[in-house]
Amino acid sequence: MPYIIAPLNLVKGENNYSEYNDVLKAVQDKAVDRAKEIWNGYSQGGLTPGDKEFGIGPHRMNEMASDVTATTLSGSYTFRKAYTAGAWRPIFSYTTRKDIMHAFAGFQFTDETLLFSQIRFEVGDRIFPILDIQQAHAYPSFSLVLKEDSGKELIADPETRVLVRGYCETTGTQRIVPLGFQLFKRKDLVITET
């Protein structure tokens, strides 16, 4: 799985890092095509879809809440979690709901201290190679952008198991924000607060 590690200050501004936007666009296009296949007869409807439309928006933590050992701080929905050093730790471990899809373009590590040295993805029965992210220690915060070949984008269909693990070198808290999209067949799935 080809990937790019880039400091956040290079990916935030307009035209600062074109590959970042190219990857996001490719993942969105592939996810929309996949949703049209799965939800036959539906078309893309944006953030507030109408009849026979599916919605698309950013990932929501409550759809990705870990069902293993990482602890969400203060009981709220946040991408910041506490981790313990010395082993592979689940960053995200969940199964997408019936009418929800997730498409990943990468992850943003927004903290100045990086706790992880390696990352590993499993989506359904697809297990991806370990990504060594130690070079990211040179940046105060960074994005990990996944550059998949066309047709091999990281998309989790409805009711698909997703496991993202990292090898944790230091005990502490880390905010890891997924880059990509959540697609939903029914608007009522994303308007609740719980």
C-alpha atoms as a PDB file:
ATOM      1  CA  MET A   1       0.000   0.000   0.000  1.00  0.00           C
ATOM      2  CA  PRO A   2       1.754   3.194  -1.110  1.00  0.00           C
ATOM      3  CA  TYR A   3       1.490   6.061   1.330  1.00  0.00           C
ATOM      4  CA  ILE A   4       2.744   9.582   1.934  1.00  0.00           C
ATOM      5  CA  ILE A   5       3.606  11.190   5.244  1.00  0.00           C
ATOM      6  CA  ALA A   6       3.275  14.952   5.080  1.00  0.00           C
ATOM      7  CA  PRO A   7       3.399  17.707   7.721  1.00  0.00           C
ATOM      8  CA  LEU A   8      -0.051  19.191   8.353  1.00  0.00           C
ATOM      9  CA  ASN A   9       1.116  22.679   7.393  1.00  0.00           C
ATOM     10  CA  LEU A  10       1.686  21.388   3.834  1.00  0.00           C
ATOM     11  CA  VAL A  11      -1.754  19.843   3.402  1.00  0.00           C
ATOM     12  CA  LYS A  12      -3.991  22.564   4.845  1.00  0.00           C
ATOM     13  CA  GLY A  13      -3.738  25.469   2.389  1.00  0.00           C
ATOM     14  CA  GLU A  14      -5.009  25.787  -1.158  1.00  0.00           C
ATOM     15  CA  ASN A  15      -2.680  24.152  -3.722  1.00  0.00           C
ATOM     16  CA  ASN A  16      -0.075  23.420  -1.041  1.00  0.00           C
ATOM     17  CA  TYR A  17      -0.105  19.683  -1.571  1.00  0.00           C
ATOM     18  CA  SER A  18      -2.005  18.567  -4.652  1.00  0.00           C
ATOM     19  CA  GLU A  19      -1.599  14.816  -4.046  1.00  0.00           C
ATOM     20  CA  TYR A  20      -3.576  15.163  -0.820  1.00  0.00           C
ATOM     21  CA  ASN A  21      -6.585  16.594  -2.673  1.00  0.00           C
ATOM     22  CA  ASP A  22      -6.143  14.107  -5.531  1.00  0.00           C
ATOM     23  CA  VAL A  23      -6.329  11.158  -3.118  1.00  0.00           C
ATOM     24  CA  LEU A  24      -9.413  12.560  -1.359  1.00  0.00           C
ATOM     25  CA  LYS A  25     -11.183  13.082  -4.693  1.00  0.00           C
ATOM     26  CA  ALA A  26     -10.305   9.578  -5.939  1.00  0.00           C
ATOM     27  CA  VAL A  27     -11.545   7.974  -2.716  1.00  0.00           C
ATOM     28  CA  GLN A  28     -14.764   9.994  -2.796  1.00  0.00           C
ATOM     29  CA  ASP A  29     -15.438   9.072  -6.430  1.00  0.00           C
ATOM     30  CA  LYS A  30     -14.803   5.370  -5.779  1.00  0.00           C
ATOM     31  CA  ALA A  31     -16.967   5.414  -2.624  1.00  0.00           C
ATOM     32  CA  VAL A  32     -19.858   7.051  -4.481  1.00  0.00           C
ATOM     33  CA  ASP A  33     -19.592   4.466  -7.264  1.00  0.00           C
ATOM     34  CA  ARG A  34     -19.519   1.658  -4.692  1.00  0.00           C
ATOM     35  CA  ALA A  35     -22.552   3.088  -2.855  1.00  0.00           C
ATOM     36  CA  LYS A  36     -24.506   3.204  -6.129  1.00  0.00           C
ATOM     37  CA  GLU A  37     -23.700  -0.500  -6.633  1.00  0.00           C
ATOM     38  CA  ILE A  38     -24.691  -1.511  -3.094  1.00  0.00           C
ATOM     39  CA  TRP A  39     -27.727   0.751  -2.798  1.00  0.00           C
ATOM     40  CA  ASN A  40     -29.128   0.090  -6.264  1.00  0.00           C
ATOM     41  CA  GLY A  41     -31.475   2.836  -7.440  1.00  0.00           C
ATOM     42  CA  TYR A  42     -29.967   5.477  -5.111  1.00  0.00           C
ATOM     43  CA  SER A  43     -27.908   8.487  -6.186  1.00  0.00           C
ATOM     44  CA  GLN A  44     -25.607  10.830  -4.291  1.00  0.00           C
ATOM     45  CA  GLY A  45     -27.525  13.453  -2.340  1.00  0.00           C
ATOM     46  CA  GLY A  46     -24.911  15.302  -0.326  1.00  0.00           C
ATOM     47  CA  LEU A  47     -25.030  15.913   3.423  1.00  0.00           C
ATOM     48  CA  THR A  48     -28.856  15.998   3.584  1.00  0.00           C
ATOM     49  CA  PRO A  49     -30.117  13.388   1.113  1.00  0.00           C
ATOM     50  CA  GLY A  50     -33.682  13.141  -0.092  1.00  0.00           C
ATOM     51  CA  ASP A  51     -35.746  10.177  -1.260  1.00  0.00           C
ATOM     52  CA  LYS A  52     -33.697   7.587  -3.147  1.00  0.00           C
ATOM     53  CA  GLU A  53     -30.480   9.470  -2.327  1.00  0.00           C
ATOM     54  CA  PHE A  54     -27.608   8.512  -0.039  1.00  0.00           C
ATOM     55  CA  GLY A  55     -25.707  11.053   2.011  1.00  0.00           C
ATOM     56  CA  ILE A  56     -21.998  11.687   2.239  1.00  0.00           C
ATOM     57  CA  GLY A  57     -20.093  13.532   4.946  1.00  0.00           C
ATOM     58  CA  PRO A  58     -17.071  13.291   7.227  1.00  0.00           C
ATOM     59  CA  HIS A  59     -16.374  10.321   9.496  1.00  0.00           C
ATOM     60  CA  ARG A  60     -18.156  10.483  12.861  1.00  0.00           C
ATOM     61  CA  MET A  61     -16.479   9.068  15.943  1.00  0.00           C
ATOM     62  CA  ASN A  62     -19.672   7.522  17.275  1.00  0.00           C
ATOM     63  CA  GLU A  63     -19.794   5.349  14.138  1.00  0.00           C
ATOM     64  CA  MET A  64     -16.204   4.261  14.761  1.00  0.00           C
ATOM     65  CA  ALA A  65     -16.273   3.837  18.531  1.00  0.00           C
ATOM     66  CA  SER A  66     -13.818   1.168  19.518  1.00  0.00           C
ATOM     67  CA  ASP A  67     -15.232  -2.070  20.816  1.00  0.00           C
ATOM     68  CA  VAL A  68     -11.885  -3.237  22.190  1.00  0.00           C
ATOM     69  CA  THR A  69      -9.394  -1.851  24.687  1.00  0.00           C
ATOM     70  CA  ALA A  70      -8.561   1.761  23.772  1.00  0.00           C
ATOM     71  CA  THR A  71     -10.382   4.087  26.151  1.00  0.00           C
ATOM     72  CA  THR A  72     -12.326   7.112  24.976  1.00  0.00           C
ATOM     73  CA  LEU A  73     -11.511  10.021  27.248  1.00  0.00           C
ATOM     74  CA  SER A  74     -14.215  11.545  29.457  1.00  0.00           C
ATOM     75  CA  GLY A  75     -16.952   9.369  27.966  1.00  0.00           C
ATOM     76  CA  SER A  76     -17.488  11.653  24.971  1.00  0.00           C
ATOM     77  CA  TYR A  77     -17.219  10.963  21.283  1.00  0.00           C
ATOM     78  CA  THR A  78     -13.757  12.087  20.296  1.00  0.00           C
ATOM     79  CA  PHE A  79     -10.912  10.822  18.170  1.00  0.00           C
ATOM     80  CA  ARG A  80      -8.541  11.345  21.143  1.00  0.00           C
ATOM     81  CA  LYS A  81      -7.874   8.149  23.094  1.00  0.00           C
ATOM     82  CA  ALA A  82      -5.536   6.949  25.820  1.00  0.00           C
ATOM     83  CA  TYR A  83      -3.019   4.237  24.899  1.00  0.00           C
ATOM     84  CA  THR A  84      -0.508   2.111  26.805  1.00  0.00           C
ATOM     85  CA  ALA A  85       3.005   1.518  25.479  1.00  0.00           C
ATOM     86  CA  GLY A  86       4.628  -1.720  24.467  1.00  0.00           C
ATOM     87  CA  ALA A  87       2.178  -3.535  22.202  1.00  0.00           C
ATOM     88  CA  TRP A  88      -0.129  -3.355  19.200  1.00  0.00           C
ATOM     89  CA  ARG A  89      -3.139  -1.266  20.267  1.00  0.00           C
ATOM     90  CA  PRO A  90      -6.482  -0.873  18.494  1.00  0.00           C
ATOM     91  CA  ILE A  91      -6.995   2.645  17.168  1.00  0.00           C
ATOM     92  CA  PHE A  92     -10.324   1.826  15.511  1.00  0.00           C
ATOM     93  CA  SER A  93     -12.091  -1.506  15.867  1.00  0.00           C
ATOM     94  CA  TYR A  94     -15.735  -1.687  14.826  1.00  0.00           C
ATOM     95  CA  THR A  95     -18.213  -3.054  12.319  1.00  0.00           C
ATOM     96  CA  THR A  96     -19.979  -0.614  10.021  1.00  0.00           C
ATOM     97  CA  ARG A  97     -23.732  -0.519  10.500  1.00  0.00           C
ATOM     98  CA  LYS A  98     -26.248  -1.887   8.000  1.00  0.00           C
ATOM     99  CA  ASP A  99     -26.751   1.301   5.954  1.00  0.00           C
ATOM    100  CA  ILE A 100     -23.350   2.963   6.519  1.00  0.00           C
ATOM    101  CA  MET A 101     -20.135   2.808   4.461  1.00  0.00           C
ATOM    102  CA  HIS A 102     -16.688   4.205   5.301  1.00  0.00           C
ATOM    103  CA  ALA A 103     -14.063   5.286   2.780  1.00  0.00           C
ATOM    104  CA  PHE A 104     -10.530   6.051   4.000  1.00  0.00           C
ATOM    105  CA  ALA A 105      -7.972   8.341   2.371  1.00  0.00           C
ATOM    106  CA  GLY A 106      -5.653   8.320   5.377  1.00  0.00           C
ATOM    107  CA  PHE A 107      -5.344   9.718   8.887  1.00  0.00           C
ATOM    108  CA  GLN A 108      -4.285  12.958  10.551  1.00  0.00           C
ATOM    109  CA  PHE A 109      -2.175  12.771  13.688  1.00  0.00           C
ATOM    110  CA  THR A 110      -2.786  16.202  15.181  1.00  0.00           C
ATOM    111  CA  ASP A 111      -0.652  15.989  18.333  1.00  0.00           C
ATOM    112  CA  GLU A 112       2.933  17.174  18.602  1.00  0.00           C
ATOM    113  CA  THR A 113       3.995  13.837  20.117  1.00  0.00           C
ATOM    114  CA  LEU A 114       3.566  10.658  18.096  1.00  0.00           C
ATOM    115  CA  LEU A 115       2.909   7.540  20.211  1.00  0.00           C
ATOM    116  CA  PHE A 116       3.002   5.010  17.358  1.00  0.00           C
ATOM    117  CA  SER A 117       5.795   3.656  15.175  1.00  0.00           C
ATOM    118  CA  GLN A 118       3.714   1.392  12.909  1.00  0.00           C
ATOM    119  CA  ILE A 119       0.125   1.175  11.649  1.00  0.00           C
ATOM    120  CA  ARG A 120      -1.800  -1.813  10.285  1.00  0.00           C
ATOM    121  CA  PHE A 121      -5.212  -1.973   8.532  1.00  0.00           C
ATOM    122  CA  GLU A 122      -7.738  -4.766   8.220  1.00  0.00           C
ATOM    123  CA  VAL A 123     -10.985  -4.178   6.328  1.00  0.00           C
ATOM    124  CA  GLY A 124     -13.208  -7.229   6.100  1.00  0.00           C
ATOM    125  CA  ASP A 125     -10.996 -10.072   4.937  1.00  0.00           C
ATOM    126  CA  ARG A 126      -8.389  -7.693   3.447  1.00  0.00           C
ATOM    127  CA  ILE A 127      -5.245  -7.434   5.572  1.00  0.00           C
ATOM    128  CA  PHE A 128      -2.790  -4.748   4.492  1.00  0.00           C
ATOM    129  CA  PRO A 129       0.979  -4.605   5.071  1.00  0.00           C
ATOM    130  CA  ILE A 130       2.336  -2.828   8.138  1.00  0.00           C
ATOM    131  CA  LEU A 131       3.120   0.846   7.490  1.00  0.00           C
ATOM    132  CA  ASP A 132       6.228   2.154   9.245  1.00  0.00           C
ATOM    133  CA  ILE A 133       5.541   5.769  10.238  1.00  0.00           C
ATOM    134  CA  GLN A 134       8.659   6.482  12.315  1.00  0.00           C
ATOM    135  CA  GLN A 135       9.828   9.185   9.893  1.00  0.00           C
ATOM    136  CA  ALA A 136       6.807  11.213  11.046  1.00  0.00           C
ATOM    137  CA  HIS A 137       8.632  11.888  14.334  1.00  0.00           C
ATOM    138  CA  ALA A 138      10.324  14.699  12.404  1.00  0.00           C
ATOM    139  CA  TYR A 139       7.018  16.629  12.212  1.00  0.00           C
ATOM    140  CA  PRO A 140       5.025  18.215  15.043  1.00  0.00           C
ATOM    141  CA  SER A 141       1.801  16.898  13.453  1.00  0.00           C
ATOM    142  CA  PHE A 142       1.213  15.123  10.151  1.00  0.00           C
ATOM    143  CA  SER A 143      -1.127  13.417   7.717  1.00  0.00           C
ATOM    144  CA  LEU A 144      -0.742   9.853   6.528  1.00  0.00           C
ATOM    145  CA  VAL A 145      -2.251   9.779   3.019  1.00  0.00           C
ATOM    146  CA  LEU A 146      -2.935   6.374   1.440  1.00  0.00           C
ATOM    147  CA  LYS A 147      -2.246   6.259  -2.302  1.00  0.00           C
ATOM    148  CA  GLU A 148      -4.018   3.166  -3.559  1.00  0.00           C
ATOM    149  CA  ASP A 149      -4.228   2.151  -7.182  1.00  0.00           C
ATOM    150  CA  SER A 150      -7.599   2.819  -8.790  1.00  0.00           C
ATOM    151  CA  GLY A 151     -10.086   0.166  -7.695  1.00  0.00           C
ATOM    152  CA  LYS A 152      -8.158  -0.732  -4.536  1.00  0.00           C
ATOM    153  CA  GLU A 153      -9.255   2.169  -2.336  1.00  0.00           C
ATOM    154  CA  LEU A 154      -9.869   1.432   1.335  1.00  0.00           C
ATOM    155  CA  ILE A 155     -13.674   1.215   1.484  1.00  0.00           C
ATOM    156  CA  ALA A 156     -15.656  -0.590   4.178  1.00  0.00           C
ATOM    157  CA  ASP A 157     -19.041  -1.745   2.893  1.00  0.00           C
ATOM    158  CA  PRO A 158     -22.044  -1.938   5.248  1.00  0.00           C
ATOM    159  CA  GLU A 159     -21.656  -4.529   8.019  1.00  0.00           C
ATOM    160  CA  THR A 160     -17.910  -4.865   7.411  1.00  0.00           C
ATOM    161  CA  ARG A 161     -15.327  -5.275  10.159  1.00  0.00           C
ATOM    162  CA  VAL A 162     -12.683  -2.498  10.364  1.00  0.00           C
ATOM    163  CA  LEU A 163      -9.565  -2.804  12.478  1.00  0.00           C
ATOM    164  CA  VAL A 164      -6.813  -0.178  12.531  1.00  0.00           C
ATOM    165  CA  ARG A 165      -4.018  -0.962  14.964  1.00  0.00           C
ATOM    166  CA  GLY A 166      -0.812   0.796  15.853  1.00  0.00           C
ATOM    167  CA  TYR A 167       2.333  -0.285  17.630  1.00  0.00           C
ATOM    168  CA  CYS A 168       2.417   2.036  20.637  1.00  0.00           C
ATOM    169  CA  GLU A 169       5.886   3.029  21.852  1.00  0.00           C
ATOM    170  CA  THR A 170       4.888   5.582  24.506  1.00  0.00           C
ATOM    171  CA  THR A 171       1.989   5.707  26.959  1.00  0.00           C
ATOM    172  CA  GLY A 172      -0.222   8.739  26.523  1.00  0.00           C
ATOM    173  CA  THR A 173      -3.107  10.185  24.570  1.00  0.00           C
ATOM    174  CA  GLN A 174      -3.277  10.609  20.828  1.00  0.00           C
ATOM    175  CA  ARG A 175      -5.828  12.196  18.492  1.00  0.00           C
ATOM    176  CA  ILE A 176      -6.018  10.286  15.208  1.00  0.00           C
ATOM    177  CA  VAL A 177      -8.617  11.708  12.835  1.00  0.00           C
ATOM    178  CA  PRO A 178      -9.629   9.630   9.802  1.00  0.00           C
ATOM    179  CA  LEU A 179      -9.470  11.319   6.408  1.00  0.00           C
ATOM    180  CA  GLY A 180     -12.230  10.293   4.083  1.00  0.00           C
ATOM    181  CA  PHE A 181     -15.972   9.925   4.011  1.00  0.00           C
ATOM    182  CA  GLN A 182     -18.952   8.303   5.628  1.00  0.00           C
ATOM    183  CA  LEU A 183     -21.796   7.419   3.290  1.00  0.00           C
ATOM    184  CA  PHE A 184     -25.258   6.731   4.676  1.00  0.00           C
ATOM    185  CA  LYS A 185     -28.428   5.429   3.079  1.00  0.00           C
ATOM    186  CA  ARG A 186     -30.781   7.091   5.582  1.00  0.00           C
ATOM    187  CA  LYS A 187     -30.407  10.576   7.036  1.00  0.00           C
ATOM    188  CA  ASP A 188     -31.810   9.479  10.410  1.00  0.00           C
ATOM    189  CA  LEU A 189     -28.643   7.398  10.916  1.00  0.00           C
ATOM    190  CA  VAL A 190     -26.518  10.551  11.307  1.00  0.00           C
ATOM    191  CA  ILE A 191     -28.777  13.129  12.981  1.00  0.00           C
ATOM    192  CA  THR A 192     -28.849  11.553  16.431  1.00  0.00           C
ATOM    193  CA  GLU A 193     -26.409  12.637  19.131  1.00  0.00           C
ATOM    194  CA  THR A 194     -25.652   9.186  20.511  1.00  0.00           C
END
